[in-house]
Amino acid sequence: MVKTVSKVSAVQILDSRSRPTLATTVTLSDGTSARAGVPSGASTGSREAVEARDRDLSRFNGGGVLDAVAHVNGEINAALAARAFANLAEVDQALIDLDATTNKSRLGANAIVGVSIAAARAFANSEGLALWEYLQPAGVNARLPVPHFNVVNGGVHAPNNLDFQEFMIAPIGAPSIAEAVRAGSEIYTKLKQLLASKGFATGLGDEGGFAPQIDRPEDVLALLVQAINEAGYRPGRDGVAIALDPASSEFYRDGFYKIAGESLSSTEMIDRYEEIISTYPVWLLEDGLAESDWSGWEQLTARLGDRVELVGDDLLCTNPAIIKEAIARHACNASLIKVNQIGTVSETLEAMRICRDAGWAQFVSHRSGETEDTFIADLAVATGCGHLKSGAPARGERVAKYNRLIEIETVSTLGYGLTT
């Protein structure tokens, strides 16, 4: 159904880390209007689409986005306003053509992705469809995903000495989203009590997880198993499993992985992961190796690919071309999906299609700098990918996504759970 864009606009707002980002609005000629809040990452891959930042050190330490706002209100609005589009893909292609760079650096990926998400929501609203219904690819069964709650933060997301960035709990065995969220909340509460009882501070990292002064990842894993048990749940894939995002590029130096005072080769790092998944109920490992360590990824996949989901994030950057390369090289068996890594909704859907065609899983993700926008919840449902992470079961910008899943569950008959 052809839609005519009437106006595109943006303002500068703050994200969950008190850093500037954009809120964009797309208005159609039929009066339909929709807004999008743009996420921003702290742990970023070198091949991600590039944000536009002002670099004016007198404002927000150079992190302002007034240039990106000006691009939306000026050049992008001029290019899209009064123009008819048959679908979202045409809007996204117009944005890509207008920017005319390979990494969206001229106009800014933050400007472009905000318009793309707002346009998707406006088109869905105009057609009287839920956003997930509008985004659902042909031939794909929509499905409610298993939420992966980030309950302990480390790395660049927290002011502690913990090298691994995210420790997540995943209620794979829950019967519904509502029960999965309940499990996440109850375990999160129990974990806080455990940390306090052991003398650890219970302050939060960027994504709402606790940030205790613990060095060894294995010590955190032991605490998670204890919290799962004491909250009344069963650790494991038939109950509540654990997922890890070490974000290994952040501690990869001169060909070695620097973990809690140790210096490990790729093979030694893989040995450590194998011991971890043999000891603890870890079902998913994201960014287990660095983005430049392709040979290590191939070895990791050969060793552990039949035991756990191996998710590429910094390695792949939601980029269809890089995902194709990784598939050919048998590096990873799943891709993290972040819309702002690639810059448009259509390119994101294409990346997910490539994964599906190759038998790869897709793990939809938020960013460390978030807004209250719930787009990724609808994206995960629409694509039937089976799992979503949006941080802890705490803080408004994180729980907004989980609450959106509960809303979708109450008005649909969709199934819940993993697809792998």
Protein backbone atom coordinates (compact mmCIF):
# COMPACT_ATOMS: atom_id res chain seq x y z
CA MET A 1 0.00 0.00 0.00
CA VAL A 2 1.56 3.28 -1.15
CA LYS A 3 2.27 5.83 1.59
CA THR A 4 3.21 9.47 1.14
CA VAL A 5 5.53 11.02 3.69
CA SER A 6 4.44 14.46 4.82
CA LYS A 7 7.23 15.39 7.22
CA VAL A 8 10.31 13.97 8.94
CA SER A 9 11.71 15.62 12.06
CA ALA A 10 14.00 15.01 15.01
CA VAL A 11 15.02 16.45 18.37
CA GLN A 12 17.96 15.76 20.64
CA ILE A 13 17.09 13.78 23.80
CA LEU A 14 19.05 11.85 26.42
CA ASP A 15 19.58 8.10 26.46
CA SER A 16 19.76 5.90 29.55
CA ARG A 17 23.42 6.81 30.15
CA SER A 18 22.68 10.56 30.06
CA ARG A 19 24.28 10.84 26.63
CA PRO A 20 22.55 12.65 23.76
CA THR A 21 20.61 10.72 21.16
CA LEU A 22 17.72 11.42 18.78
CA ALA A 23 13.97 11.11 18.87
CA THR A 24 12.68 11.08 15.30
CA THR A 25 9.13 11.48 14.02
CA VAL A 26 7.69 10.51 10.64
CA THR A 27 4.30 11.91 9.63
CA LEU A 28 2.34 10.58 6.67
CA SER A 29 -0.06 12.49 4.45
CA ASP A 30 -3.03 10.62 5.97
CA GLY A 31 -2.19 12.18 9.34
CA THR A 32 -0.53 9.13 10.83
CA SER A 33 2.50 10.00 12.93
CA ALA A 34 5.04 7.79 14.71
CA ARG A 35 8.11 8.35 16.87
CA ALA A 36 11.34 6.42 17.44
CA GLY A 37 14.01 6.68 20.10
CA VAL A 38 17.50 5.90 18.77
CA PRO A 39 19.77 3.52 20.75
CA SER A 40 23.54 3.88 21.04
CA GLY A 41 26.22 1.38 22.02
CA ALA A 42 29.29 1.60 24.26
CA SER A 43 30.87 -1.72 23.28
CA THR A 44 30.92 -1.26 19.51
CA GLY A 45 32.39 -3.23 16.66
CA SER A 46 34.82 -1.45 14.37
CA ARG A 47 32.66 -2.29 11.34
CA GLU A 48 29.45 -0.79 12.70
CA ALA A 49 27.59 1.97 10.89
CA VAL A 50 28.90 5.31 12.16
CA GLU A 51 26.97 7.68 14.41
CA ALA A 52 27.08 11.42 13.79
CA ARG A 53 28.41 13.21 16.88
CA ASP A 54 29.00 16.98 17.06
CA ARG A 55 32.48 16.80 18.64
CA ASP A 56 31.90 20.21 20.21
CA LEU A 57 33.75 19.75 23.49
CA SER A 58 31.85 22.63 25.09
CA ARG A 59 28.61 20.59 24.92
CA PHE A 60 28.15 17.06 26.30
CA ASN A 61 31.93 16.50 26.07
CA GLY A 62 31.63 16.39 22.29
CA GLY A 63 28.84 13.81 22.29
CA GLY A 64 25.98 16.00 21.12
CA VAL A 65 23.86 14.99 18.13
CA LEU A 66 22.66 18.36 16.87
CA ASP A 67 24.33 17.71 13.52
CA ALA A 68 22.37 14.46 13.17
CA VAL A 69 19.18 16.28 14.17
CA ALA A 70 19.92 18.93 11.53
CA HIS A 71 20.40 16.21 8.91
CA VAL A 72 16.97 14.79 9.69
CA ASN A 73 15.19 18.13 9.80
CA GLY A 74 16.99 19.37 6.72
CA GLU A 75 18.38 17.09 4.03
CA ILE A 76 16.46 13.91 4.95
CA ASN A 77 13.14 15.73 5.32
CA ALA A 78 13.69 17.46 1.97
CA ALA A 79 14.40 14.13 0.29
CA LEU A 80 11.40 12.23 1.73
CA ALA A 81 8.65 14.81 2.22
CA ALA A 82 5.85 14.74 -0.37
CA ARG A 83 7.27 11.52 -1.80
CA ALA A 84 5.25 8.30 -2.15
CA PHE A 85 6.70 4.94 -1.12
CA ALA A 86 5.32 1.50 -1.83
CA ASN A 87 6.95 0.00 1.26
CA LEU A 88 9.55 0.50 3.97
CA ALA A 89 12.33 -0.94 1.81
CA GLU A 90 11.91 1.98 -0.60
CA VAL A 91 12.24 4.47 2.26
CA ASP A 92 15.37 2.76 3.51
CA GLN A 93 16.89 2.64 0.04
CA ALA A 94 16.23 6.35 -0.36
CA LEU A 95 18.09 6.99 2.90
CA ILE A 96 21.00 4.78 1.85
CA ASP A 97 21.23 6.52 -1.53
CA LEU A 98 21.04 9.96 0.06
CA ASP A 99 23.87 9.20 2.47
CA ALA A 100 25.97 7.56 -0.28
CA THR A 101 28.64 6.10 2.01
CA THR A 102 29.30 2.46 2.88
CA ASN A 103 28.94 3.07 6.64
CA LYS A 104 26.32 5.84 6.77
CA SER A 105 28.91 8.27 8.07
CA ARG A 106 27.84 11.32 6.06
CA LEU A 107 24.37 11.76 7.52
CA GLY A 108 24.97 9.53 10.54
CA ALA A 109 23.64 6.06 11.23
CA ASN A 110 21.80 7.46 14.25
CA ALA A 111 19.89 9.89 12.02
CA ILE A 112 19.14 7.24 9.39
CA VAL A 113 18.06 4.45 11.75
CA GLY A 114 15.76 6.78 13.67
CA VAL A 115 13.91 7.70 10.47
CA SER A 116 13.78 4.05 9.37
CA ILE A 117 12.27 2.85 12.66
CA ALA A 118 9.79 5.73 12.83
CA ALA A 119 8.74 5.08 9.22
CA ALA A 120 8.16 1.39 9.96
CA ARG A 121 5.95 2.30 12.91
CA ALA A 122 4.08 4.94 10.91
CA PHE A 123 3.41 2.53 8.04
CA ALA A 124 2.15 -0.11 10.48
CA ASN A 125 -0.12 2.39 12.22
CA SER A 126 -1.46 3.64 8.91
CA GLU A 127 -2.42 0.10 7.90
CA GLY A 128 -4.00 -0.66 11.26
CA LEU A 129 -1.45 -3.37 12.04
CA ALA A 130 0.57 -4.11 15.13
CA LEU A 131 4.21 -3.30 14.43
CA TRP A 132 5.22 -6.98 14.64
CA GLU A 133 2.52 -7.87 12.11
CA TYR A 134 3.80 -5.24 9.69
CA LEU A 135 7.42 -6.38 10.05
CA GLN A 136 6.69 -10.12 9.74
CA PRO A 137 8.53 -11.51 6.69
CA ALA A 138 6.57 -13.67 4.27
CA GLY A 139 6.71 -17.33 5.19
CA VAL A 140 8.06 -16.69 8.71
CA ASN A 141 6.13 -17.78 11.79
CA ALA A 142 5.98 -15.03 14.39
CA ARG A 143 6.95 -16.18 17.87
CA LEU A 144 7.39 -14.73 21.35
CA PRO A 145 11.10 -14.86 22.25
CA VAL A 146 12.82 -16.08 25.41
CA PRO A 147 14.01 -12.97 27.28
CA HIS A 148 17.67 -12.95 28.27
CA PHE A 149 18.09 -10.79 31.37
CA ASN A 150 21.51 -9.22 31.97
CA VAL A 151 21.80 -9.54 35.74
CA VAL A 152 25.54 -8.93 36.23
CA ASN A 153 27.47 -6.27 34.31
CA GLY A 154 31.20 -6.00 33.73
CA GLY A 155 33.55 -4.79 31.00
CA VAL A 156 32.85 -1.32 29.65
CA HIS A 157 29.33 -1.47 31.10
CA ALA A 158 30.37 -1.32 34.76
CA PRO A 159 32.99 0.30 37.03
CA ASN A 160 34.41 -3.00 38.31
CA ASN A 161 37.28 -5.37 37.48
CA LEU A 162 35.12 -8.02 35.86
CA ASP A 163 36.37 -8.53 32.30
CA PHE A 164 33.30 -10.39 30.98
CA GLN A 165 30.68 -7.83 30.03
CA GLU A 166 27.32 -9.59 30.46
CA PHE A 167 26.00 -12.48 32.51
CA MET A 168 22.43 -13.31 31.51
CA ILE A 169 19.71 -15.62 32.78
CA ALA A 170 17.36 -17.16 30.21
CA PRO A 171 14.07 -18.78 31.35
CA ILE A 172 14.04 -21.23 28.44
CA GLY A 173 11.75 -23.62 30.30
CA ALA A 174 9.09 -21.03 31.15
CA PRO A 175 5.64 -21.67 29.64
CA SER A 176 5.00 -18.03 28.66
CA ILE A 177 6.49 -14.55 28.49
CA ALA A 178 4.66 -13.52 31.64
CA GLU A 179 6.16 -16.44 33.56
CA ALA A 180 9.59 -15.85 32.02
CA VAL A 181 9.53 -12.23 33.20
CA ARG A 182 8.42 -13.37 36.65
CA ALA A 183 11.35 -15.80 36.80
CA GLY A 184 13.78 -13.09 35.73
CA SER A 185 12.49 -10.68 38.35
CA GLU A 186 12.51 -13.22 41.17
CA ILE A 187 16.02 -14.44 40.40
CA TYR A 188 17.26 -10.85 40.04
CA THR A 189 15.85 -10.04 43.48
CA LYS A 190 17.38 -13.18 45.00
CA LEU A 191 20.75 -12.36 43.42
CA LYS A 192 20.69 -8.91 44.99
CA GLN A 193 20.09 -10.49 48.39
CA LEU A 194 22.94 -12.95 47.85
CA LEU A 195 25.38 -10.25 46.81
CA ALA A 196 24.47 -8.10 49.80
CA SER A 197 24.82 -11.06 52.18
CA LYS A 198 28.35 -11.64 50.90
CA GLY A 199 29.34 -8.01 51.35
CA PHE A 200 29.21 -6.94 47.70
CA ALA A 201 27.79 -3.61 46.61
CA THR A 202 24.56 -3.87 44.64
CA GLY A 203 24.96 -0.83 42.42
CA LEU A 204 23.98 -1.20 38.77
CA GLY A 205 25.87 -1.12 35.49
CA ASP A 206 24.70 0.48 32.25
CA GLU A 207 22.19 -2.25 31.46
CA GLY A 208 20.65 -2.63 34.91
CA GLY A 209 22.68 -5.62 36.06
CA PHE A 210 24.58 -5.60 39.32
CA ALA A 211 28.23 -4.57 39.21
CA PRO A 212 29.99 -6.33 42.10
CA GLN A 213 33.75 -6.19 42.57
CA ILE A 214 34.37 -9.75 41.40
CA ASP A 215 37.28 -10.63 39.12
CA ARG A 216 36.71 -14.24 38.01
CA PRO A 217 33.74 -14.97 35.73
CA GLU A 218 33.43 -18.44 37.25
CA ASP A 219 32.67 -16.86 40.64
CA VAL A 220 29.78 -14.94 39.09
CA LEU A 221 28.47 -18.10 37.42
CA ALA A 222 28.45 -19.92 40.76
CA LEU A 223 26.43 -17.07 42.28
CA LEU A 224 23.94 -17.19 39.40
CA VAL A 225 23.37 -20.92 39.87
CA GLN A 226 22.85 -20.35 43.58
CA ALA A 227 20.37 -17.51 42.91
CA ILE A 228 18.42 -19.61 40.39
CA ASN A 229 18.15 -22.48 42.89
CA GLU A 230 17.24 -20.31 45.86
CA ALA A 231 14.58 -18.50 43.83
CA GLY A 232 12.91 -21.88 43.29
CA TYR A 233 13.91 -22.56 39.69
CA ARG A 234 15.94 -25.32 38.04
CA PRO A 235 19.28 -24.32 36.48
CA GLY A 236 19.52 -25.62 32.90
CA ARG A 237 17.78 -25.65 29.56
CA ASP A 238 14.64 -27.19 31.01
CA GLY A 239 14.44 -24.33 33.50
CA VAL A 240 16.63 -21.22 33.62
CA ALA A 241 19.85 -21.33 31.62
CA ILE A 242 22.76 -18.89 31.54
CA ALA A 243 24.10 -16.87 28.60
CA LEU A 244 27.42 -15.04 28.43
CA ASP A 245 28.64 -12.04 26.48
CA PRO A 246 32.33 -11.64 27.35
CA ALA A 247 32.71 -8.92 24.65
CA SER A 248 36.17 -10.34 24.06
CA SER A 249 37.37 -7.62 21.71
CA GLU A 250 37.55 -5.35 24.75
CA PHE A 251 40.23 -7.48 26.45
CA TYR A 252 42.10 -8.82 23.39
CA ARG A 253 45.58 -7.35 23.23
CA ASP A 254 48.55 -8.35 21.03
CA GLY A 255 47.02 -11.70 20.15
CA PHE A 256 46.10 -12.68 23.73
CA TYR A 257 43.01 -12.49 25.93
CA LYS A 258 43.70 -10.70 29.21
CA ILE A 259 41.37 -12.17 31.85
CA ALA A 260 41.70 -11.40 35.57
CA GLY A 261 45.47 -11.17 35.35
CA GLU A 262 45.88 -14.13 32.99
CA SER A 263 47.03 -13.97 29.37
CA LEU A 264 45.37 -16.63 27.21
CA SER A 265 45.85 -17.66 23.59
CA SER A 266 42.79 -18.33 21.43
CA THR A 267 43.09 -22.05 22.07
CA GLU A 268 43.46 -21.51 25.81
CA MET A 269 40.44 -19.19 25.80
CA ILE A 270 38.40 -21.88 24.04
CA ASP A 271 39.62 -24.43 26.60
CA ARG A 272 38.35 -22.15 29.35
CA TYR A 273 34.96 -21.77 27.68
CA GLU A 274 34.72 -25.53 27.31
CA GLU A 275 35.36 -25.95 31.01
CA ILE A 276 32.79 -23.27 31.81
CA ILE A 277 30.00 -24.84 29.75
CA SER A 278 30.85 -28.26 31.17
CA THR A 279 30.53 -26.93 34.73
CA TYR A 280 27.71 -24.38 34.50
CA PRO A 281 24.36 -24.37 32.63
CA VAL A 282 25.60 -22.01 29.90
CA TRP A 283 23.65 -22.43 26.67
CA LEU A 284 24.80 -19.36 24.68
CA LEU A 285 28.14 -17.60 24.21
CA GLU A 286 28.22 -14.23 22.49
CA ASP A 287 31.44 -12.61 21.28
CA GLY A 288 33.51 -15.36 22.85
CA LEU A 289 36.48 -14.23 20.76
CA ALA A 290 37.61 -10.92 19.32
CA GLU A 291 36.32 -9.44 16.07
CA SER A 292 39.75 -9.77 14.44
CA ASP A 293 40.34 -13.37 15.55
CA TRP A 294 38.75 -15.16 12.59
CA SER A 295 40.85 -18.30 12.91
CA GLY A 296 39.96 -18.48 16.58
CA TRP A 297 36.25 -18.22 15.74
CA GLU A 298 36.60 -21.09 13.28
CA GLN A 299 38.28 -23.20 15.96
CA LEU A 300 35.67 -22.19 18.58
CA THR A 301 32.83 -23.18 16.26
CA ALA A 302 34.42 -26.53 15.41
CA ARG A 303 34.98 -27.28 19.10
CA LEU A 304 31.78 -26.02 20.72
CA GLY A 305 29.28 -25.27 17.94
CA ASP A 306 27.32 -28.46 18.54
CA ARG A 307 26.99 -27.73 22.28
CA VAL A 308 26.13 -24.03 22.57
CA GLU A 309 24.86 -21.19 20.45
CA LEU A 310 27.88 -19.13 19.36
CA VAL A 311 26.76 -15.59 18.61
CA GLY A 312 28.81 -13.09 16.63
CA ASP A 313 28.31 -9.43 17.54
CA ASP A 314 31.42 -7.28 17.03
CA LEU A 315 32.55 -9.86 14.47
CA LEU A 316 29.41 -9.46 12.32
CA CYS A 317 27.84 -6.07 13.14
CA THR A 318 24.45 -7.14 11.70
CA ASN A 319 26.06 -6.72 8.29
CA PRO A 320 24.70 -9.04 5.57
CA ALA A 321 28.03 -9.20 3.71
CA ILE A 322 30.04 -10.06 6.82
CA ILE A 323 27.45 -12.62 7.91
CA LYS A 324 27.79 -14.33 4.53
CA GLU A 325 31.57 -14.46 4.98
CA ALA A 326 31.23 -15.96 8.46
CA ILE A 327 28.78 -18.58 7.17
CA ALA A 328 31.26 -19.58 4.45
CA ARG A 329 34.08 -19.78 7.00
CA HIS A 330 32.04 -21.74 9.56
CA ALA A 331 32.68 -19.07 12.17
CA CYS A 332 29.72 -18.77 14.63
CA ASN A 333 26.33 -20.37 14.30
CA ALA A 334 24.25 -17.30 15.15
CA SER A 335 24.28 -13.52 14.76
CA LEU A 336 23.42 -10.82 17.22
CA ILE A 337 20.96 -8.38 15.68
CA LYS A 338 21.22 -4.67 16.45
CA VAL A 339 19.33 -2.36 14.11
CA ASN A 340 21.63 0.60 14.64
CA GLN A 341 24.73 -1.48 13.82
CA ILE A 342 23.70 -1.62 10.16
CA GLY A 343 21.47 1.46 10.08
CA THR A 344 18.09 0.55 8.56
CA VAL A 345 15.25 -1.83 9.35
CA SER A 346 15.32 -3.34 5.85
CA GLU A 347 19.02 -4.21 6.04
CA THR A 348 18.40 -5.73 9.47
CA LEU A 349 15.62 -7.93 8.09
CA GLU A 350 17.93 -8.97 5.24
CA ALA A 351 20.66 -9.95 7.70
CA MET A 352 18.14 -12.07 9.58
CA ARG A 353 16.94 -13.70 6.34
CA ILE A 354 20.50 -14.69 5.46
CA CYS A 355 20.86 -16.27 8.90
CA ARG A 356 17.61 -18.20 8.57
CA ASP A 357 18.53 -19.50 5.13
CA ALA A 358 21.85 -20.79 6.52
CA GLY A 359 20.22 -22.41 9.55
CA TRP A 360 21.71 -19.81 11.87
CA ALA A 361 19.93 -18.40 14.91
CA GLN A 362 19.36 -14.68 15.38
CA PHE A 363 19.56 -12.97 18.77
CA VAL A 364 17.87 -9.54 18.80
CA SER A 365 19.54 -7.04 21.11
CA HIS A 366 19.26 -3.62 22.69
CA ARG A 367 22.25 -1.30 23.27
CA SER A 368 23.84 -0.02 26.47
CA GLY A 369 22.47 3.44 25.68
CA GLU A 370 18.71 2.96 25.37
CA THR A 371 15.43 4.87 25.28
CA GLU A 372 11.92 3.77 26.14
CA ASP A 373 11.40 2.71 22.51
CA THR A 374 10.17 -0.90 22.20
CA PHE A 375 10.86 -1.53 18.50
CA ILE A 376 13.20 -4.48 19.09
CA ALA A 377 10.50 -6.39 20.99
CA ASP A 378 8.23 -6.28 17.93
CA LEU A 379 11.17 -7.13 15.68
CA ALA A 380 11.99 -10.25 17.69
CA VAL A 381 8.34 -11.39 17.60
CA ALA A 382 7.91 -10.65 13.89
CA THR A 383 10.95 -12.65 12.83
CA GLY A 384 10.29 -15.60 15.14
CA CYS A 385 13.96 -15.57 16.12
CA GLY A 386 13.34 -17.11 19.53
CA HIS A 387 15.35 -14.85 21.82
CA LEU A 388 15.81 -11.21 22.80
CA LYS A 389 18.03 -9.38 25.25
CA SER A 390 17.18 -5.99 26.65
CA GLY A 391 19.17 -5.83 29.87
CA ALA A 392 18.07 -6.51 33.41
CA PRO A 393 14.47 -6.91 34.60
CA ALA A 394 14.92 -3.42 36.04
CA ARG A 395 15.13 0.21 34.81
CA GLY A 396 12.40 1.62 32.63
CA GLU A 397 14.24 1.62 29.31
CA ARG A 398 15.04 -2.10 29.77
CA VAL A 399 11.73 -3.43 31.10
CA ALA A 400 9.77 -1.47 28.47
CA LYS A 401 10.80 -4.12 25.93
CA TYR A 402 9.85 -7.02 28.19
CA ASN A 403 6.55 -5.35 29.08
CA ARG A 404 5.84 -4.96 25.37
CA LEU A 405 6.26 -8.71 24.93
CA ILE A 406 3.73 -9.30 27.71
CA GLU A 407 1.31 -6.96 25.94
CA ILE A 408 1.72 -8.83 22.66
CA GLU A 409 1.19 -12.14 24.45
CA THR A 410 -2.11 -11.00 25.95
CA VAL A 411 -3.64 -10.13 22.57
CA SER A 412 -2.20 -12.94 20.43
CA THR A 413 -2.06 -16.71 20.24
CA LEU A 414 1.63 -16.80 19.36
CA GLY A 415 3.89 -19.55 20.68
CA TYR A 416 6.76 -18.89 23.06
CA GLY A 417 10.31 -20.15 23.10
CA LEU A 418 13.47 -20.89 21.19
CA THR A 419 13.44 -22.00 17.59
CA THR A 420 16.67 -24.01 17.84
